[in-house]
Amino acid sequence: MWFWDKDSVEYEIFKKYERALVSIGVDFSLLEVQDALEINTFGLEDALRSTINYVLWLHEQKREIFPNAILIRALQEQWKPVAWRDEYLELPMLQSPGQKWWNSAASVWGYDLRNQLVADVFYDNGKEFIKFTNGKEILVETAWRWEWERVLNYATN
């Protein structure tokens, strides 16, 4: 599912918005979505922001949301965001389970311990993982099921 070289500007932009887009229901494993992303890189950031912006508006209006179709159309038609603010990415609705876990880990363990133990929270093949500084990895959904003490043991042993 890698659309661009990991050192490219497009990849960097994509990674900034990936979690929010997954949280609103965009399925990057769909061929139509992949094709739209590969073909329509001009105005990529505007299209990603516009997709998120429009889905937030639809949600507020309690309207039906088709996130894949919205993203494809935003890419193809080079939509421009109407009133984008980077703070939108911090809205609970746009946080992935991994971001929620990351924030909760700071509350439960404290910022220092979390930052000492957690190297990264990342996506791989459509699944979200936590990578610990001891080299171990765990699915975010497994970390939520295990609860905090068991994850702490896993991260420190």
C-alpha atoms as a PDB file:
ATOM      1  CA  MET A   1       0.000   0.000   0.000  1.00  0.00           C
ATOM      2  CA  TRP A   2       2.976   2.377  -0.260  1.00  0.00           C
ATOM      3  CA  PHE A   3       1.968   5.069  -2.705  1.00  0.00           C
ATOM      4  CA  TRP A   4       5.173   7.055  -2.662  1.00  0.00           C
ATOM      5  CA  ASP A   5       8.805   6.785  -1.631  1.00  0.00           C
ATOM      6  CA  LYS A   6       9.144   7.152   2.138  1.00  0.00           C
ATOM      7  CA  ASP A   7      11.444  10.158   1.651  1.00  0.00           C
ATOM      8  CA  SER A   8       8.987  11.998  -0.599  1.00  0.00           C
ATOM      9  CA  VAL A   9       6.980  15.093   0.283  1.00  0.00           C
ATOM     10  CA  GLU A  10       3.765  13.232  -0.661  1.00  0.00           C
ATOM     11  CA  TYR A  11       4.509  10.469   1.827  1.00  0.00           C
ATOM     12  CA  GLU A  12       5.204  12.991   4.591  1.00  0.00           C
ATOM     13  CA  ILE A  13       1.917  14.789   3.885  1.00  0.00           C
ATOM     14  CA  PHE A  14       0.011  11.501   3.735  1.00  0.00           C
ATOM     15  CA  LYS A  15       1.420  10.343   7.096  1.00  0.00           C
ATOM     16  CA  LYS A  16       0.325  13.603   8.752  1.00  0.00           C
ATOM     17  CA  TYR A  17      -3.331  12.935   7.919  1.00  0.00           C
ATOM     18  CA  GLU A  18      -3.410   9.120   7.687  1.00  0.00           C
ATOM     19  CA  ARG A  19      -4.662   8.458  11.219  1.00  0.00           C
ATOM     20  CA  ALA A  20      -7.456  11.010  10.983  1.00  0.00           C
ATOM     21  CA  LEU A  21      -8.542   9.628   7.613  1.00  0.00           C
ATOM     22  CA  VAL A  22      -8.568   6.046   8.931  1.00  0.00           C
ATOM     23  CA  SER A  23     -10.537   7.236  11.968  1.00  0.00           C
ATOM     24  CA  ILE A  24     -13.267   8.700   9.768  1.00  0.00           C
ATOM     25  CA  GLY A  25     -13.479   5.470   7.800  1.00  0.00           C
ATOM     26  CA  VAL A  26     -11.213   5.830   4.758  1.00  0.00           C
ATOM     27  CA  ASP A  27     -10.083   2.356   3.657  1.00  0.00           C
ATOM     28  CA  PHE A  28      -6.642   2.630   2.071  1.00  0.00           C
ATOM     29  CA  SER A  29      -6.748  -1.020   1.015  1.00  0.00           C
ATOM     30  CA  LEU A  30      -9.442  -0.243  -1.592  1.00  0.00           C
ATOM     31  CA  LEU A  31      -8.046  -0.151  -5.111  1.00  0.00           C
ATOM     32  CA  GLU A  32     -10.127   2.925  -6.014  1.00  0.00           C
ATOM     33  CA  VAL A  33      -8.655   4.873  -3.091  1.00  0.00           C
ATOM     34  CA  GLN A  34      -5.115   3.747  -3.918  1.00  0.00           C
ATOM     35  CA  ASP A  35      -5.529   4.698  -7.578  1.00  0.00           C
ATOM     36  CA  ALA A  36      -6.871   8.138  -6.670  1.00  0.00           C
ATOM     37  CA  LEU A  37      -3.936   8.766  -4.340  1.00  0.00           C
ATOM     38  CA  GLU A  38      -1.349   7.626  -6.887  1.00  0.00           C
ATOM     39  CA  ILE A  39      -2.829   9.564  -9.794  1.00  0.00           C
ATOM     40  CA  ASN A  40      -3.813  12.808  -8.068  1.00  0.00           C
ATOM     41  CA  THR A  41      -0.835  14.073  -6.087  1.00  0.00           C
ATOM     42  CA  PHE A  42      -1.191  17.735  -7.077  1.00  0.00           C
ATOM     43  CA  GLY A  43      -2.902  19.550  -4.204  1.00  0.00           C
ATOM     44  CA  LEU A  44      -2.666  16.437  -2.032  1.00  0.00           C
ATOM     45  CA  GLU A  45      -2.652  18.208   1.324  1.00  0.00           C
ATOM     46  CA  ASP A  46      -5.605  20.404   0.373  1.00  0.00           C
ATOM     47  CA  ALA A  47      -7.585  17.337  -0.714  1.00  0.00           C
ATOM     48  CA  LEU A  48      -6.815  15.460   2.513  1.00  0.00           C
ATOM     49  CA  ARG A  49      -7.726  18.462   4.648  1.00  0.00           C
ATOM     50  CA  SER A  50     -10.901  19.043   2.620  1.00  0.00           C
ATOM     51  CA  THR A  51     -11.943  15.432   3.102  1.00  0.00           C
ATOM     52  CA  ILE A  52     -11.536  15.685   6.860  1.00  0.00           C
ATOM     53  CA  ASN A  53     -13.196  19.091   6.952  1.00  0.00           C
ATOM     54  CA  TYR A  54     -16.203  17.908   4.942  1.00  0.00           C
ATOM     55  CA  VAL A  55     -16.639  14.729   7.011  1.00  0.00           C
ATOM     56  CA  LEU A  56     -16.585  16.809  10.199  1.00  0.00           C
ATOM     57  CA  TRP A  57     -19.277  19.056   8.740  1.00  0.00           C
ATOM     58  CA  LEU A  58     -21.396  16.083   7.617  1.00  0.00           C
ATOM     59  CA  HIS A  59     -21.046  14.550  11.082  1.00  0.00           C
ATOM     60  CA  GLU A  60     -22.123  17.818  12.697  1.00  0.00           C
ATOM     61  CA  GLN A  61     -25.157  17.944  10.375  1.00  0.00           C
ATOM     62  CA  LYS A  62     -25.925  14.291  11.229  1.00  0.00           C
ATOM     63  CA  ARG A  63     -25.744  13.321   7.573  1.00  0.00           C
ATOM     64  CA  GLU A  64     -24.624  10.059   6.041  1.00  0.00           C
ATOM     65  CA  ILE A  65     -20.875   9.863   5.373  1.00  0.00           C
ATOM     66  CA  PHE A  66     -19.088   8.004   2.561  1.00  0.00           C
ATOM     67  CA  PRO A  67     -15.449   8.742   3.394  1.00  0.00           C
ATOM     68  CA  ASN A  68     -13.834   6.787   0.524  1.00  0.00           C
ATOM     69  CA  ALA A  69     -15.985   8.507  -2.093  1.00  0.00           C
ATOM     70  CA  ILE A  70     -15.370  11.903  -0.495  1.00  0.00           C
ATOM     71  CA  LEU A  71     -11.593  11.404  -0.530  1.00  0.00           C
ATOM     72  CA  ILE A  72     -11.579  10.208  -4.143  1.00  0.00           C
ATOM     73  CA  ARG A  73     -13.676  13.160  -5.264  1.00  0.00           C
ATOM     74  CA  ALA A  74     -11.556  15.642  -3.265  1.00  0.00           C
ATOM     75  CA  LEU A  75      -8.408  14.293  -4.935  1.00  0.00           C
ATOM     76  CA  GLN A  76      -9.879  14.225  -8.445  1.00  0.00           C
ATOM     77  CA  GLU A  77     -11.481  17.675  -8.207  1.00  0.00           C
ATOM     78  CA  GLN A  78      -8.611  19.230  -6.207  1.00  0.00           C
ATOM     79  CA  TRP A  79     -10.813  20.513  -3.413  1.00  0.00           C
ATOM     80  CA  LYS A  80      -9.519  23.332  -1.240  1.00  0.00           C
ATOM     81  CA  PRO A  81     -10.345  23.356   2.486  1.00  0.00           C
ATOM     82  CA  VAL A  82     -12.810  26.035   3.520  1.00  0.00           C
ATOM     83  CA  ALA A  83     -11.753  26.643   7.115  1.00  0.00           C
ATOM     84  CA  TRP A  84      -8.953  24.256   8.078  1.00  0.00           C
ATOM     85  CA  ARG A  85      -7.294  24.330  11.491  1.00  0.00           C
ATOM     86  CA  ASP A  86      -4.545  21.910  12.536  1.00  0.00           C
ATOM     87  CA  GLU A  87      -6.335  21.526  15.889  1.00  0.00           C
ATOM     88  CA  TYR A  88      -8.911  19.378  14.064  1.00  0.00           C
ATOM     89  CA  LEU A  89      -6.390  16.526  14.146  1.00  0.00           C
ATOM     90  CA  GLU A  90      -6.658  16.524  17.954  1.00  0.00           C
ATOM     91  CA  LEU A  91     -10.439  16.044  17.997  1.00  0.00           C
ATOM     92  CA  PRO A  92     -11.409  12.730  19.634  1.00  0.00           C
ATOM     93  CA  MET A  93     -13.403  11.773  16.525  1.00  0.00           C
ATOM     94  CA  LEU A  94     -10.223  11.994  14.440  1.00  0.00           C
ATOM     95  CA  GLN A  95      -7.926  10.148  16.804  1.00  0.00           C
ATOM     96  CA  SER A  96      -7.007   6.611  15.951  1.00  0.00           C
ATOM     97  CA  PRO A  97      -7.097   3.922  18.648  1.00  0.00           C
ATOM     98  CA  GLY A  98      -3.289   4.237  18.772  1.00  0.00           C
ATOM     99  CA  GLN A  99      -3.437   7.969  19.432  1.00  0.00           C
ATOM    100  CA  LYS A 100      -6.025   7.388  22.137  1.00  0.00           C
ATOM    101  CA  TRP A 101      -3.803   4.704  23.662  1.00  0.00           C
ATOM    102  CA  TRP A 102      -0.760   7.049  23.465  1.00  0.00           C
ATOM    103  CA  ASN A 103      -2.658   9.796  25.314  1.00  0.00           C
ATOM    104  CA  SER A 104      -4.022   7.347  27.878  1.00  0.00           C
ATOM    105  CA  ALA A 105      -0.548   5.912  28.479  1.00  0.00           C
ATOM    106  CA  ALA A 106       0.622   9.365  29.551  1.00  0.00           C
ATOM    107  CA  SER A 107      -2.305   9.599  31.973  1.00  0.00           C
ATOM    108  CA  VAL A 108      -1.738   6.133  33.428  1.00  0.00           C
ATOM    109  CA  TRP A 109       2.060   5.825  33.391  1.00  0.00           C
ATOM    110  CA  GLY A 110       3.048   9.491  33.264  1.00  0.00           C
ATOM    111  CA  TYR A 111       4.694  11.280  30.346  1.00  0.00           C
ATOM    112  CA  ASP A 112       8.256  10.381  31.287  1.00  0.00           C
ATOM    113  CA  LEU A 113       7.676   6.633  31.580  1.00  0.00           C
ATOM    114  CA  ARG A 114       5.543   6.530  28.425  1.00  0.00           C
ATOM    115  CA  ASN A 115       8.187   8.398  26.463  1.00  0.00           C
ATOM    116  CA  GLN A 116      10.897   6.144  27.864  1.00  0.00           C
ATOM    117  CA  LEU A 117       9.044   2.923  26.894  1.00  0.00           C
ATOM    118  CA  VAL A 118       7.201   3.735  23.651  1.00  0.00           C
ATOM    119  CA  ALA A 119       9.285   4.249  20.529  1.00  0.00           C
ATOM    120  CA  ASP A 120       6.410   4.672  18.053  1.00  0.00           C
ATOM    121  CA  VAL A 121       2.761   4.070  17.256  1.00  0.00           C
ATOM    122  CA  PHE A 122       2.466   3.206  13.565  1.00  0.00           C
ATOM    123  CA  TYR A 123       0.387   1.609  10.821  1.00  0.00           C
ATOM    124  CA  ASP A 124       1.481  -1.458   8.894  1.00  0.00           C
ATOM    125  CA  ASN A 125      -0.792  -3.117   6.336  1.00  0.00           C
ATOM    126  CA  GLY A 126      -3.867  -1.406   7.743  1.00  0.00           C
ATOM    127  CA  LYS A 127      -3.199  -2.370  11.373  1.00  0.00           C
ATOM    128  CA  GLU A 128      -1.961  -0.067  14.096  1.00  0.00           C
ATOM    129  CA  PHE A 129       0.987  -1.157  16.243  1.00  0.00           C
ATOM    130  CA  ILE A 130       2.913   0.073  19.260  1.00  0.00           C
ATOM    131  CA  LYS A 131       6.686  -0.320  19.100  1.00  0.00           C
ATOM    132  CA  PHE A 132       8.480  -0.296  22.424  1.00  0.00           C
ATOM    133  CA  THR A 133      12.058   0.763  23.034  1.00  0.00           C
ATOM    134  CA  ASN A 134      12.917  -2.843  23.995  1.00  0.00           C
ATOM    135  CA  GLY A 135      12.230  -3.796  20.347  1.00  0.00           C
ATOM    136  CA  LYS A 136       8.910  -5.537  20.984  1.00  0.00           C
ATOM    137  CA  GLU A 137       5.744  -4.644  19.091  1.00  0.00           C
ATOM    138  CA  ILE A 138       2.078  -5.162  19.868  1.00  0.00           C
ATOM    139  CA  LEU A 139      -1.192  -4.471  18.092  1.00  0.00           C
ATOM    140  CA  VAL A 140      -2.957  -1.462  19.588  1.00  0.00           C
ATOM    141  CA  GLU A 141      -6.148  -3.482  19.992  1.00  0.00           C
ATOM    142  CA  THR A 142      -4.202  -6.119  21.953  1.00  0.00           C
ATOM    143  CA  ALA A 143      -2.720  -3.430  24.208  1.00  0.00           C
ATOM    144  CA  TRP A 144      -6.231  -2.195  25.020  1.00  0.00           C
ATOM    145  CA  ARG A 145      -7.366  -5.755  25.838  1.00  0.00           C
ATOM    146  CA  TRP A 146      -4.321  -6.521  27.992  1.00  0.00           C
ATOM    147  CA  GLU A 147      -4.737  -3.478  30.193  1.00  0.00           C
ATOM    148  CA  TRP A 148      -1.954  -1.313  31.584  1.00  0.00           C
ATOM    149  CA  GLU A 149      -0.012  -3.508  33.995  1.00  0.00           C
ATOM    150  CA  ARG A 150       0.401  -6.372  31.522  1.00  0.00           C
ATOM    151  CA  VAL A 151       1.493  -3.983  28.744  1.00  0.00           C
ATOM    152  CA  LEU A 152       3.962  -2.361  31.146  1.00  0.00           C
ATOM    153  CA  ASN A 153       5.486  -5.787  31.883  1.00  0.00           C
ATOM    154  CA  TYR A 154       5.687  -6.542  28.158  1.00  0.00           C
ATOM    155  CA  ALA A 155       7.362  -3.193  27.481  1.00  0.00           C
ATOM    156  CA  THR A 156       9.933  -3.562  30.239  1.00  0.00           C
ATOM    157  CA  ASN A 157      10.929  -7.254  29.917  1.00  0.00           C
END
